[in-house]
């Protein structure tokens, strides 16, 4: 068991892969610098993907007054490259990753990380990644409600799990003993999204187990518009396809539903102009889908406020179309020989 005495605590490297986070990065760094953790056992590595806003200036100002903060440039700009650079540069016994737009509601996150890793005898910790920040506006609260519902995220995902349990690290691994990277390698820079899932899949295949707890939770800011949500989930769709290409065993029902939905609805819509039978099938399929999203929206609104009802169905539609479209777009790129190569 790890004692809370400073001399017994492990060193921790916190990696922040960021780009254009001017709005949130100062706040996130202050949350980390305010953690109840020995100053000489914490390093914070900000890996910036050549931001075009004032992100770098904000980080440099904070780093000038606190030597725990270090800024590294990421010329490739991708999150996967930032994670790889951060992991290679980390000197801590434990390496943990946190996004630049994060709300942390307590000063015990790092101590809980060190304690649970020791008490549970694991080399990996998973982290709940809730979307309920105090600053959320109405649309962000609606997106949060949709995303954490069964209809709004992966069937096997544990990122919204509040219970304490040993879990497969694939969907929510976030903190690692340094030696894990020596065993499974670094993040794959051919990914622009899902690079953490791909890395965690290799971690799981290597036999590492993970533990998750609400004591490790951080809160991310949801997108503020349907357009922003679509762009985010489209990237996830691209990442899911690349993940399936590299690791075919990850191609699950949950991964295939969004692209199958897009192909099915578009195919039936086109066929409806050619056949009355197909038109009937399209009407039935569309009706079932609309009915399902509306029913789930009613259930959510009944618990959290009927003001959300009108916003929730378009959010679900955006999530499903974006994931499906991203997956299919990357499939098309691959068929044309434009996707990354996987041996």
C-alpha atoms as a PDB file:
ATOM      1  CA  UNK A   1       0.000   0.000   0.000  1.00  0.00           C
ATOM      2  CA  UNK A   2       1.267   3.457  -0.901  1.00  0.00           C
ATOM      3  CA  UNK A   3       1.476   5.817   2.066  1.00  0.00           C
ATOM      4  CA  UNK A   4       0.526   9.471   1.701  1.00  0.00           C
ATOM      5  CA  UNK A   5       3.910  10.448   3.104  1.00  0.00           C
ATOM      6  CA  UNK A   6       5.702  12.531   0.425  1.00  0.00           C
ATOM      7  CA  UNK A   7       8.779  10.303   0.569  1.00  0.00           C
ATOM      8  CA  UNK A   8       6.756   7.196  -0.345  1.00  0.00           C
ATOM      9  CA  UNK A   9       4.756   8.647  -3.226  1.00  0.00           C
ATOM     10  CA  UNK A  10       5.821   7.846  -6.814  1.00  0.00           C
ATOM     11  CA  UNK A  11       6.776  10.524  -9.300  1.00  0.00           C
ATOM     12  CA  UNK A  12       4.003  11.378 -11.756  1.00  0.00           C
ATOM     13  CA  UNK A  13       4.200  12.816 -15.258  1.00  0.00           C
ATOM     14  CA  UNK A  14       0.982  14.448 -16.484  1.00  0.00           C
ATOM     15  CA  UNK A  15       0.842  14.738 -20.272  1.00  0.00           C
ATOM     16  CA  UNK A  16      -1.469  17.281 -21.914  1.00  0.00           C
ATOM     17  CA  UNK A  17      -1.761  16.785 -25.717  1.00  0.00           C
ATOM     18  CA  UNK A  18      -3.257  20.075 -26.938  1.00  0.00           C
ATOM     19  CA  UNK A  19      -3.885  22.351 -29.893  1.00  0.00           C
ATOM     20  CA  UNK A  20      -5.716  25.687 -29.797  1.00  0.00           C
ATOM     21  CA  UNK A  21      -6.798  25.439 -26.167  1.00  0.00           C
ATOM     22  CA  UNK A  22      -6.382  29.111 -25.296  1.00  0.00           C
ATOM     23  CA  UNK A  23      -9.790  29.201 -23.626  1.00  0.00           C
ATOM     24  CA  UNK A  24      -9.195  26.332 -21.185  1.00  0.00           C
ATOM     25  CA  UNK A  25      -5.489  25.509 -20.859  1.00  0.00           C
ATOM     26  CA  UNK A  26      -4.726  28.021 -18.116  1.00  0.00           C
ATOM     27  CA  UNK A  27      -7.579  26.736 -15.996  1.00  0.00           C
ATOM     28  CA  UNK A  28      -6.579  23.097 -16.543  1.00  0.00           C
ATOM     29  CA  UNK A  29      -2.960  23.773 -15.590  1.00  0.00           C
ATOM     30  CA  UNK A  30      -4.069  25.579 -12.438  1.00  0.00           C
ATOM     31  CA  UNK A  31      -6.173  22.560 -11.439  1.00  0.00           C
ATOM     32  CA  UNK A  32      -3.094  20.343 -11.814  1.00  0.00           C
ATOM     33  CA  UNK A  33      -0.703  22.727 -10.078  1.00  0.00           C
ATOM     34  CA  UNK A  34      -3.142  22.951  -7.175  1.00  0.00           C
ATOM     35  CA  UNK A  35      -3.116  19.200  -6.604  1.00  0.00           C
ATOM     36  CA  UNK A  36      -2.126  18.001  -3.142  1.00  0.00           C
ATOM     37  CA  UNK A  37       1.021  16.280  -4.360  1.00  0.00           C
ATOM     38  CA  UNK A  38       4.717  16.841  -3.589  1.00  0.00           C
ATOM     39  CA  UNK A  39       6.166  19.558  -5.812  1.00  0.00           C
ATOM     40  CA  UNK A  40       9.335  17.587  -6.487  1.00  0.00           C
ATOM     41  CA  UNK A  41       7.398  14.501  -7.607  1.00  0.00           C
ATOM     42  CA  UNK A  42       5.225  16.090 -10.296  1.00  0.00           C
ATOM     43  CA  UNK A  43       5.991  17.166 -13.834  1.00  0.00           C
ATOM     44  CA  UNK A  44       3.426  18.518 -16.273  1.00  0.00           C
ATOM     45  CA  UNK A  45       4.329  18.181 -19.946  1.00  0.00           C
ATOM     46  CA  UNK A  46       2.253  20.246 -22.347  1.00  0.00           C
ATOM     47  CA  UNK A  47       2.672  19.007 -25.929  1.00  0.00           C
ATOM     48  CA  UNK A  48       1.343  21.666 -28.267  1.00  0.00           C
ATOM     49  CA  UNK A  49       0.410  20.948 -31.885  1.00  0.00           C
ATOM     50  CA  UNK A  50       1.511  24.340 -33.233  1.00  0.00           C
ATOM     51  CA  UNK A  51      -1.515  26.239 -31.953  1.00  0.00           C
ATOM     52  CA  UNK A  52      -2.617  29.272 -33.955  1.00  0.00           C
ATOM     53  CA  UNK A  53      -4.219  31.059 -31.005  1.00  0.00           C
ATOM     54  CA  UNK A  54      -2.679  32.263 -27.718  1.00  0.00           C
ATOM     55  CA  UNK A  55      -2.319  28.782 -26.198  1.00  0.00           C
ATOM     56  CA  UNK A  56       1.487  28.804 -26.243  1.00  0.00           C
ATOM     57  CA  UNK A  57       1.668  32.261 -24.688  1.00  0.00           C
ATOM     58  CA  UNK A  58      -0.612  31.156 -21.835  1.00  0.00           C
ATOM     59  CA  UNK A  59       1.455  28.022 -21.175  1.00  0.00           C
ATOM     60  CA  UNK A  60       4.774  29.894 -21.324  1.00  0.00           C
ATOM     61  CA  UNK A  61       3.555  32.444 -18.797  1.00  0.00           C
ATOM     62  CA  UNK A  62       2.566  29.709 -16.339  1.00  0.00           C
ATOM     63  CA  UNK A  63       5.756  27.718 -16.982  1.00  0.00           C
ATOM     64  CA  UNK A  64       7.860  30.818 -16.254  1.00  0.00           C
ATOM     65  CA  UNK A  65       6.462  30.922 -12.735  1.00  0.00           C
ATOM     66  CA  UNK A  66       6.346  27.171 -12.032  1.00  0.00           C
ATOM     67  CA  UNK A  67       9.142  24.815 -13.068  1.00  0.00           C
ATOM     68  CA  UNK A  68       6.836  21.796 -12.945  1.00  0.00           C
ATOM     69  CA  UNK A  69       5.347  22.869 -16.296  1.00  0.00           C
ATOM     70  CA  UNK A  70       7.249  22.071 -19.475  1.00  0.00           C
ATOM     71  CA  UNK A  71       6.194  22.940 -23.048  1.00  0.00           C
ATOM     72  CA  UNK A  72       7.143  20.741 -26.018  1.00  0.00           C
ATOM     73  CA  UNK A  73       6.293  21.404 -29.670  1.00  0.00           C
ATOM     74  CA  UNK A  74       4.399  18.823 -31.740  1.00  0.00           C
ATOM     75  CA  UNK A  75       5.092  19.577 -35.426  1.00  0.00           C
ATOM     76  CA  UNK A  76       2.741  16.823 -36.633  1.00  0.00           C
ATOM     77  CA  UNK A  77      -0.164  18.502 -34.769  1.00  0.00           C
ATOM     78  CA  UNK A  78      -1.987  15.195 -34.233  1.00  0.00           C
ATOM     79  CA  UNK A  79      -3.072  14.054 -30.771  1.00  0.00           C
ATOM     80  CA  UNK A  80      -1.450  10.669 -31.364  1.00  0.00           C
ATOM     81  CA  UNK A  81       1.915  12.327 -32.005  1.00  0.00           C
ATOM     82  CA  UNK A  82       1.474  14.514 -28.922  1.00  0.00           C
ATOM     83  CA  UNK A  83       0.820  11.468 -26.746  1.00  0.00           C
ATOM     84  CA  UNK A  84       3.841   9.682 -28.201  1.00  0.00           C
ATOM     85  CA  UNK A  85       6.089  12.697 -27.630  1.00  0.00           C
ATOM     86  CA  UNK A  86       4.785  13.110 -24.095  1.00  0.00           C
ATOM     87  CA  UNK A  87       5.246   9.441 -23.186  1.00  0.00           C
ATOM     88  CA  UNK A  88       8.807   9.463 -24.560  1.00  0.00           C
ATOM     89  CA  UNK A  89       9.648  12.637 -22.635  1.00  0.00           C
ATOM     90  CA  UNK A  90       8.077  11.602 -19.321  1.00  0.00           C
ATOM     91  CA  UNK A  91      10.385  10.831 -16.409  1.00  0.00           C
ATOM     92  CA  UNK A  92       7.733   9.836 -13.841  1.00  0.00           C
ATOM     93  CA  UNK A  93       7.058   6.412 -12.397  1.00  0.00           C
ATOM     94  CA  UNK A  94       3.440   6.937 -13.471  1.00  0.00           C
ATOM     95  CA  UNK A  95       2.375   8.589 -16.731  1.00  0.00           C
ATOM     96  CA  UNK A  96      -1.145   9.981 -16.952  1.00  0.00           C
ATOM     97  CA  UNK A  97      -2.907  11.808 -19.786  1.00  0.00           C
ATOM     98  CA  UNK A  98      -5.357  14.693 -19.413  1.00  0.00           C
ATOM     99  CA  UNK A  99      -6.915  16.829 -22.151  1.00  0.00           C
ATOM    100  CA  UNK A 100      -6.406  20.575 -22.213  1.00  0.00           C
ATOM    101  CA  UNK A 101     -10.106  21.356 -21.700  1.00  0.00           C
ATOM    102  CA  UNK A 102     -10.693  19.629 -18.381  1.00  0.00           C
ATOM    103  CA  UNK A 103     -12.491  20.439 -15.136  1.00  0.00           C
ATOM    104  CA  UNK A 104     -11.102  18.757 -11.991  1.00  0.00           C
ATOM    105  CA  UNK A 105     -13.285  19.138  -8.898  1.00  0.00           C
ATOM    106  CA  UNK A 106     -10.782  18.179  -6.184  1.00  0.00           C
ATOM    107  CA  UNK A 107      -7.087  18.278  -5.274  1.00  0.00           C
ATOM    108  CA  UNK A 108      -6.722  14.523  -4.632  1.00  0.00           C
ATOM    109  CA  UNK A 109      -6.738  13.195  -8.206  1.00  0.00           C
ATOM    110  CA  UNK A 110      -3.003  12.491  -8.329  1.00  0.00           C
ATOM    111  CA  UNK A 111      -2.846  11.024  -4.814  1.00  0.00           C
ATOM    112  CA  UNK A 112      -5.794   8.788  -5.660  1.00  0.00           C
ATOM    113  CA  UNK A 113      -3.988   7.724  -8.829  1.00  0.00           C
ATOM    114  CA  UNK A 114      -0.866   6.730  -6.910  1.00  0.00           C
ATOM    115  CA  UNK A 115      -2.832   5.072  -4.082  1.00  0.00           C
ATOM    116  CA  UNK A 116      -5.184   3.006  -6.242  1.00  0.00           C
ATOM    117  CA  UNK A 117      -2.424   1.832  -8.538  1.00  0.00           C
ATOM    118  CA  UNK A 118      -0.587   0.503  -5.490  1.00  0.00           C
ATOM    119  CA  UNK A 119      -3.577  -0.835  -3.525  1.00  0.00           C
ATOM    120  CA  UNK A 120      -5.115  -2.632  -6.506  1.00  0.00           C
ATOM    121  CA  UNK A 121      -1.727  -3.870  -7.710  1.00  0.00           C
ATOM    122  CA  UNK A 122      -2.301  -2.741 -11.298  1.00  0.00           C
ATOM    123  CA  UNK A 123      -0.118  -1.035 -13.875  1.00  0.00           C
ATOM    124  CA  UNK A 124      -3.042   0.709 -15.577  1.00  0.00           C
ATOM    125  CA  UNK A 125      -5.879   2.836 -14.246  1.00  0.00           C
ATOM    126  CA  UNK A 126      -8.998   3.691 -16.191  1.00  0.00           C
ATOM    127  CA  UNK A 127     -10.767   6.972 -15.647  1.00  0.00           C
ATOM    128  CA  UNK A 128     -14.416   8.019 -15.813  1.00  0.00           C
ATOM    129  CA  UNK A 129     -14.626  10.942 -18.230  1.00  0.00           C
ATOM    130  CA  UNK A 130     -17.842  12.706 -17.397  1.00  0.00           C
ATOM    131  CA  UNK A 131     -19.177  15.677 -19.373  1.00  0.00           C
ATOM    132  CA  UNK A 132     -20.984  17.487 -16.555  1.00  0.00           C
ATOM    133  CA  UNK A 133     -18.913  20.604 -15.904  1.00  0.00           C
ATOM    134  CA  UNK A 134     -20.383  23.503 -13.870  1.00  0.00           C
ATOM    135  CA  UNK A 135     -19.957  25.885 -16.813  1.00  0.00           C
ATOM    136  CA  UNK A 136     -21.997  23.822 -19.315  1.00  0.00           C
ATOM    137  CA  UNK A 137     -24.635  25.771 -21.220  1.00  0.00           C
ATOM    138  CA  UNK A 138     -27.989  24.268 -22.218  1.00  0.00           C
ATOM    139  CA  UNK A 139     -26.729  22.625 -25.425  1.00  0.00           C
ATOM    140  CA  UNK A 140     -23.699  21.173 -23.644  1.00  0.00           C
ATOM    141  CA  UNK A 141     -25.911  19.723 -20.925  1.00  0.00           C
ATOM    142  CA  UNK A 142     -28.139  18.159 -23.577  1.00  0.00           C
ATOM    143  CA  UNK A 143     -25.132  16.692 -25.409  1.00  0.00           C
ATOM    144  CA  UNK A 144     -23.816  15.318 -22.110  1.00  0.00           C
ATOM    145  CA  UNK A 145     -27.141  13.609 -21.400  1.00  0.00           C
ATOM    146  CA  UNK A 146     -27.219  12.088 -24.882  1.00  0.00           C
ATOM    147  CA  UNK A 147     -23.586  10.956 -24.878  1.00  0.00           C
ATOM    148  CA  UNK A 148     -23.804   9.037 -21.614  1.00  0.00           C
ATOM    149  CA  UNK A 149     -27.001   7.224 -22.601  1.00  0.00           C
ATOM    150  CA  UNK A 150     -26.807   3.736 -24.169  1.00  0.00           C
ATOM    151  CA  UNK A 151     -27.896   5.243 -27.485  1.00  0.00           C
ATOM    152  CA  UNK A 152     -25.147   7.854 -27.439  1.00  0.00           C
ATOM    153  CA  UNK A 153     -21.884   5.971 -26.926  1.00  0.00           C
ATOM    154  CA  UNK A 154     -20.196   2.623 -27.506  1.00  0.00           C
ATOM    155  CA  UNK A 155     -21.948  -0.471 -26.211  1.00  0.00           C
ATOM    156  CA  UNK A 156     -18.778  -1.695 -24.465  1.00  0.00           C
ATOM    157  CA  UNK A 157     -17.472   1.694 -23.312  1.00  0.00           C
ATOM    158  CA  UNK A 158     -16.613   2.301 -19.646  1.00  0.00           C
ATOM    159  CA  UNK A 159     -15.861   6.039 -19.843  1.00  0.00           C
ATOM    160  CA  UNK A 160     -19.115   6.966 -18.073  1.00  0.00           C
ATOM    161  CA  UNK A 161     -18.896   4.184 -15.500  1.00  0.00           C
ATOM    162  CA  UNK A 162     -19.061   5.472 -11.917  1.00  0.00           C
ATOM    163  CA  UNK A 163     -18.651   2.155 -10.100  1.00  0.00           C
ATOM    164  CA  UNK A 164     -15.330   0.863  -8.789  1.00  0.00           C
ATOM    165  CA  UNK A 165     -14.306  -2.242 -10.702  1.00  0.00           C
ATOM    166  CA  UNK A 166     -11.562  -4.034 -12.559  1.00  0.00           C
ATOM    167  CA  UNK A 167     -12.151  -3.386 -16.265  1.00  0.00           C
ATOM    168  CA  UNK A 168     -10.700  -3.986 -19.676  1.00  0.00           C
ATOM    169  CA  UNK A 169      -8.509  -0.901 -20.220  1.00  0.00           C
ATOM    170  CA  UNK A 170      -9.383  -0.591 -23.916  1.00  0.00           C
ATOM    171  CA  UNK A 171     -11.959   2.188 -23.743  1.00  0.00           C
ATOM    172  CA  UNK A 172     -10.854   4.218 -20.729  1.00  0.00           C
ATOM    173  CA  UNK A 173      -7.230   3.538 -19.758  1.00  0.00           C
ATOM    174  CA  UNK A 174      -5.541   6.838 -18.868  1.00  0.00           C
ATOM    175  CA  UNK A 175      -2.733   6.277 -16.329  1.00  0.00           C
ATOM    176  CA  UNK A 176       0.163   3.831 -16.694  1.00  0.00           C
ATOM    177  CA  UNK A 177       3.260   2.707 -14.940  1.00  0.00           C
ATOM    178  CA  UNK A 178       6.178   3.843 -17.067  1.00  0.00           C
ATOM    179  CA  UNK A 179       7.271   0.276 -17.803  1.00  0.00           C
ATOM    180  CA  UNK A 180       4.028  -0.387 -19.693  1.00  0.00           C
ATOM    181  CA  UNK A 181       5.403   1.599 -22.631  1.00  0.00           C
ATOM    182  CA  UNK A 182       8.506  -0.565 -22.662  1.00  0.00           C
ATOM    183  CA  UNK A 183       6.291  -3.628 -22.972  1.00  0.00           C
ATOM    184  CA  UNK A 184       3.724  -2.533 -25.574  1.00  0.00           C
ATOM    185  CA  UNK A 185       5.423   0.367 -27.379  1.00  0.00           C
ATOM    186  CA  UNK A 186       4.191   3.902 -27.852  1.00  0.00           C
ATOM    187  CA  UNK A 187       1.091   5.480 -29.399  1.00  0.00           C
ATOM    188  CA  UNK A 188       0.602   4.863 -33.123  1.00  0.00           C
ATOM    189  CA  UNK A 189       1.003   8.170 -34.958  1.00  0.00           C
ATOM    190  CA  UNK A 190      -0.996   6.928 -37.933  1.00  0.00           C
ATOM    191  CA  UNK A 191      -4.132   7.657 -35.908  1.00  0.00           C
ATOM    192  CA  UNK A 192      -5.815  11.053 -35.635  1.00  0.00           C
ATOM    193  CA  UNK A 193      -8.473   9.757 -33.228  1.00  0.00           C
ATOM    194  CA  UNK A 194      -8.873   6.556 -31.215  1.00  0.00           C
ATOM    195  CA  UNK A 195      -5.107   6.456 -30.720  1.00  0.00           C
ATOM    196  CA  UNK A 196      -5.759   5.967 -27.013  1.00  0.00           C
ATOM    197  CA  UNK A 197      -8.153   3.074 -27.703  1.00  0.00           C
ATOM    198  CA  UNK A 198      -5.622   1.462 -30.040  1.00  0.00           C
ATOM    199  CA  UNK A 199      -2.861   1.799 -27.447  1.00  0.00           C
ATOM    200  CA  UNK A 200      -5.113   0.467 -24.703  1.00  0.00           C
ATOM    201  CA  UNK A 201      -6.088  -2.486 -26.886  1.00  0.00           C
ATOM    202  CA  UNK A 202      -2.414  -3.443 -27.061  1.00  0.00           C
ATOM    203  CA  UNK A 203      -2.143  -2.937 -23.312  1.00  0.00           C
ATOM    204  CA  UNK A 204      -5.057  -5.334 -22.753  1.00  0.00           C
ATOM    205  CA  UNK A 205      -3.619  -7.884 -25.202  1.00  0.00           C
ATOM    206  CA  UNK A 206      -0.352  -7.762 -23.265  1.00  0.00           C
ATOM    207  CA  UNK A 207      -2.246  -9.014 -20.228  1.00  0.00           C
ATOM    208  CA  UNK A 208      -2.468  -5.818 -18.199  1.00  0.00           C
ATOM    209  CA  UNK A 209      -5.590  -5.330 -16.124  1.00  0.00           C
ATOM    210  CA  UNK A 210      -7.052  -1.976 -15.182  1.00  0.00           C
ATOM    211  CA  UNK A 211      -9.071  -0.535 -12.337  1.00  0.00           C
ATOM    212  CA  UNK A 212     -11.592   2.298 -12.584  1.00  0.00           C
ATOM    213  CA  UNK A 213     -13.020   4.468  -9.825  1.00  0.00           C
ATOM    214  CA  UNK A 214     -15.018   7.691  -9.544  1.00  0.00           C
ATOM    215  CA  UNK A 215     -12.101   8.938  -7.401  1.00  0.00           C
ATOM    216  CA  UNK A 216     -10.186   9.259 -10.681  1.00  0.00           C
ATOM    217  CA  UNK A 217     -12.907  11.107 -12.575  1.00  0.00           C
ATOM    218  CA  UNK A 218     -12.256  14.239 -14.589  1.00  0.00           C
ATOM    219  CA  UNK A 219     -14.800  16.298 -16.472  1.00  0.00           C
ATOM    220  CA  UNK A 220     -14.521  17.277 -20.133  1.00  0.00           C
ATOM    221  CA  UNK A 221     -16.378  20.107 -21.800  1.00  0.00           C
ATOM    222  CA  UNK A 222     -18.863  18.857 -24.422  1.00  0.00           C
ATOM    223  CA  UNK A 223     -19.073  20.518 -27.819  1.00  0.00           C
ATOM    224  CA  UNK A 224     -21.324  23.568 -27.905  1.00  0.00           C
ATOM    225  CA  UNK A 225     -23.062  22.980 -31.237  1.00  0.00           C
ATOM    226  CA  UNK A 226     -24.275  20.214 -33.515  1.00  0.00           C
ATOM    227  CA  UNK A 227     -21.619  21.181 -36.043  1.00  0.00           C
ATOM    228  CA  UNK A 228     -18.838  20.818 -33.489  1.00  0.00           C
ATOM    229  CA  UNK A 229     -20.293  17.522 -32.307  1.00  0.00           C
ATOM    230  CA  UNK A 230     -20.477  16.217 -35.882  1.00  0.00           C
ATOM    231  CA  UNK A 231     -16.819  17.071 -36.548  1.00  0.00           C
ATOM    232  CA  UNK A 232     -15.741  15.423 -33.301  1.00  0.00           C
ATOM    233  CA  UNK A 233     -17.676  12.205 -33.880  1.00  0.00           C
ATOM    234  CA  UNK A 234     -16.689  12.038 -37.547  1.00  0.00           C
ATOM    235  CA  UNK A 235     -13.041  11.914 -36.399  1.00  0.00           C
ATOM    236  CA  UNK A 236     -14.005   9.111 -34.034  1.00  0.00           C
ATOM    237  CA  UNK A 237     -15.595   7.254 -36.958  1.00  0.00           C
ATOM    238  CA  UNK A 238     -12.367   7.561 -38.943  1.00  0.00           C
ATOM    239  CA  UNK A 239     -10.437   6.330 -35.926  1.00  0.00           C
ATOM    240  CA  UNK A 240     -12.727   3.342 -35.476  1.00  0.00           C
ATOM    241  CA  UNK A 241     -12.129   2.243 -39.068  1.00  0.00           C
ATOM    242  CA  UNK A 242      -8.349   2.542 -38.698  1.00  0.00           C
ATOM    243  CA  UNK A 243      -8.547   0.633 -35.428  1.00  0.00           C
ATOM    244  CA  UNK A 244     -10.448  -2.183 -37.161  1.00  0.00           C
ATOM    245  CA  UNK A 245      -7.914  -2.238 -40.002  1.00  0.00           C
ATOM    246  CA  UNK A 246      -4.979  -2.609 -37.629  1.00  0.00           C
ATOM    247  CA  UNK A 247      -6.777  -4.902 -35.180  1.00  0.00           C
ATOM    248  CA  UNK A 248      -9.634  -6.741 -36.953  1.00  0.00           C
ATOM    249  CA  UNK A 249     -10.740  -8.303 -33.661  1.00  0.00           C
ATOM    250  CA  UNK A 250     -11.953  -4.864 -32.527  1.00  0.00           C
ATOM    251  CA  UNK A 251     -14.598  -4.763 -35.260  1.00  0.00           C
ATOM    252  CA  UNK A 252     -17.638  -5.172 -33.029  1.00  0.00           C
ATOM    253  CA  UNK A 253     -21.367  -4.830 -33.538  1.00  0.00           C
ATOM    254  CA  UNK A 254     -21.247  -1.435 -31.863  1.00  0.00           C
ATOM    255  CA  UNK A 255     -18.636  -0.275 -34.391  1.00  0.00           C
ATOM    256  CA  UNK A 256     -20.622  -1.515 -37.394  1.00  0.00           C
ATOM    257  CA  UNK A 257     -24.051  -0.173 -36.449  1.00  0.00           C
ATOM    258  CA  UNK A 258     -23.441   3.513 -37.401  1.00  0.00           C
ATOM    259  CA  UNK A 259     -21.995   2.856 -40.904  1.00  0.00           C
ATOM    260  CA  UNK A 260     -24.607   0.161 -41.551  1.00  0.00           C
ATOM    261  CA  UNK A 261     -27.277   2.635 -40.511  1.00  0.00           C
ATOM    262  CA  UNK A 262     -25.984   5.321 -42.898  1.00  0.00           C
ATOM    263  CA  UNK A 263     -25.665   2.886 -45.810  1.00  0.00           C
ATOM    264  CA  UNK A 264     -29.084   1.384 -45.108  1.00  0.00           C
ATOM    265  CA  UNK A 265     -30.963   4.671 -44.814  1.00  0.00           C
ATOM    266  CA  UNK A 266     -29.288   6.254 -47.848  1.00  0.00           C
ATOM    267  CA  UNK A 267     -29.718   3.084 -49.907  1.00  0.00           C
ATOM    268  CA  UNK A 268     -33.384   2.774 -49.018  1.00  0.00           C
ATOM    269  CA  UNK A 269     -33.972   6.478 -49.668  1.00  0.00           C
ATOM    270  CA  UNK A 270     -32.521   6.204 -53.165  1.00  0.00           C
ATOM    271  CA  UNK A 271     -34.330   2.939 -53.851  1.00  0.00           C
ATOM    272  CA  UNK A 272     -37.625   4.489 -52.715  1.00  0.00           C
ATOM    273  CA  UNK A 273     -37.711   6.476 -55.955  1.00  0.00           C
ATOM    274  CA  UNK A 274     -37.500   3.258 -57.947  1.00  0.00           C
ATOM    275  CA  UNK A 275     -39.779   0.878 -56.082  1.00  0.00           C
ATOM    276  CA  UNK A 276     -42.875   1.196 -53.943  1.00  0.00           C
ATOM    277  CA  UNK A 277     -41.746  -1.833 -51.936  1.00  0.00           C
ATOM    278  CA  UNK A 278     -38.423  -0.157 -51.142  1.00  0.00           C
ATOM    279  CA  UNK A 279     -40.297   3.047 -50.319  1.00  0.00           C
ATOM    280  CA  UNK A 280     -42.332   1.126 -47.773  1.00  0.00           C
ATOM    281  CA  UNK A 281     -39.191  -0.425 -46.289  1.00  0.00           C
ATOM    282  CA  UNK A 282     -37.623   3.031 -46.058  1.00  0.00           C
ATOM    283  CA  UNK A 283     -40.675   4.408 -44.272  1.00  0.00           C
ATOM    284  CA  UNK A 284     -40.683   1.511 -41.805  1.00  0.00           C
ATOM    285  CA  UNK A 285     -36.931   1.743 -41.115  1.00  0.00           C
ATOM    286  CA  UNK A 286     -36.997   5.514 -40.737  1.00  0.00           C
ATOM    287  CA  UNK A 287     -40.053   5.281 -38.522  1.00  0.00           C
ATOM    288  CA  UNK A 288     -38.453   2.722 -36.227  1.00  0.00           C
ATOM    289  CA  UNK A 289     -35.271   4.797 -35.933  1.00  0.00           C
ATOM    290  CA  UNK A 290     -37.103   8.050 -35.303  1.00  0.00           C
ATOM    291  CA  UNK A 291     -39.362   6.330 -32.823  1.00  0.00           C
ATOM    292  CA  UNK A 292     -36.402   4.868 -30.924  1.00  0.00           C
ATOM    293  CA  UNK A 293     -34.551   8.180 -30.650  1.00  0.00           C
ATOM    294  CA  UNK A 294     -37.721  10.010 -29.627  1.00  0.00           C
ATOM    295  CA  UNK A 295     -38.583   7.382 -27.022  1.00  0.00           C
ATOM    296  CA  UNK A 296     -35.100   7.558 -25.464  1.00  0.00           C
ATOM    297  CA  UNK A 297     -35.289  11.353 -25.560  1.00  0.00           C
ATOM    298  CA  UNK A 298     -38.595  11.278 -23.692  1.00  0.00           C
ATOM    299  CA  UNK A 299     -37.134   8.983 -21.033  1.00  0.00           C
ATOM    300  CA  UNK A 300     -34.112  11.231 -20.547  1.00  0.00           C
ATOM    301  CA  UNK A 301     -36.215  14.401 -20.514  1.00  0.00           C
ATOM    302  CA  UNK A 302     -38.608  12.893 -17.971  1.00  0.00           C
ATOM    303  CA  UNK A 303     -35.693  12.513 -15.562  1.00  0.00           C
ATOM    304  CA  UNK A 304     -33.773  15.694 -16.276  1.00  0.00           C
ATOM    305  CA  UNK A 305     -36.334  18.197 -17.547  1.00  0.00           C
ATOM    306  CA  UNK A 306     -38.679  18.268 -20.516  1.00  0.00           C
ATOM    307  CA  UNK A 307     -36.883  21.330 -21.815  1.00  0.00           C
ATOM    308  CA  UNK A 308     -34.297  18.932 -23.233  1.00  0.00           C
ATOM    309  CA  UNK A 309     -36.773  16.935 -25.294  1.00  0.00           C
ATOM    310  CA  UNK A 310     -36.580  18.928 -28.525  1.00  0.00           C
ATOM    311  CA  UNK A 311     -32.784  19.063 -28.450  1.00  0.00           C
ATOM    312  CA  UNK A 312     -32.046  15.403 -27.807  1.00  0.00           C
ATOM    313  CA  UNK A 313     -33.279  13.728 -31.043  1.00  0.00           C
ATOM    314  CA  UNK A 314     -31.116  15.963 -33.317  1.00  0.00           C
ATOM    315  CA  UNK A 315     -28.136  15.256 -31.058  1.00  0.00           C
ATOM    316  CA  UNK A 316     -28.636  11.489 -31.390  1.00  0.00           C
ATOM    317  CA  UNK A 317     -29.032  11.839 -35.164  1.00  0.00           C
ATOM    318  CA  UNK A 318     -25.809  13.866 -35.325  1.00  0.00           C
ATOM    319  CA  UNK A 319     -23.868  11.284 -33.279  1.00  0.00           C
ATOM    320  CA  UNK A 320     -24.986   8.347 -35.403  1.00  0.00           C
ATOM    321  CA  UNK A 321     -24.545  10.040 -38.775  1.00  0.00           C
ATOM    322  CA  UNK A 322     -21.132  11.444 -37.850  1.00  0.00           C
ATOM    323  CA  UNK A 323     -19.764   8.109 -36.637  1.00  0.00           C
ATOM    324  CA  UNK A 324     -21.127   6.312 -39.679  1.00  0.00           C
ATOM    325  CA  UNK A 325     -19.969   8.940 -42.139  1.00  0.00           C
ATOM    326  CA  UNK A 326     -16.452   9.048 -40.690  1.00  0.00           C
ATOM    327  CA  UNK A 327     -16.153   5.256 -40.853  1.00  0.00           C
ATOM    328  CA  UNK A 328     -17.395   5.130 -44.464  1.00  0.00           C
ATOM    329  CA  UNK A 329     -15.279   8.104 -45.566  1.00  0.00           C
ATOM    330  CA  UNK A 330     -12.143   6.371 -44.291  1.00  0.00           C
ATOM    331  CA  UNK A 331     -13.255   3.145 -45.973  1.00  0.00           C
ATOM    332  CA  UNK A 332     -13.485   5.072 -49.233  1.00  0.00           C
ATOM    333  CA  UNK A 333     -10.056   6.644 -48.719  1.00  0.00           C
ATOM    334  CA  UNK A 334      -8.579   3.217 -48.077  1.00  0.00           C
ATOM    335  CA  UNK A 335     -10.170   1.732 -51.204  1.00  0.00           C
ATOM    336  CA  UNK A 336      -8.582   4.572 -53.189  1.00  0.00           C
ATOM    337  CA  UNK A 337      -5.196   3.876 -51.645  1.00  0.00           C
ATOM    338  CA  UNK A 338      -5.143   7.118 -49.628  1.00  0.00           C
ATOM    339  CA  UNK A 339      -5.377   5.698 -46.125  1.00  0.00           C
ATOM    340  CA  UNK A 340      -2.405   4.915 -43.861  1.00  0.00           C
ATOM    341  CA  UNK A 341      -0.616   1.619 -44.374  1.00  0.00           C
ATOM    342  CA  UNK A 342      -0.982  -1.105 -41.747  1.00  0.00           C
ATOM    343  CA  UNK A 343       1.165  -4.220 -41.967  1.00  0.00           C
END
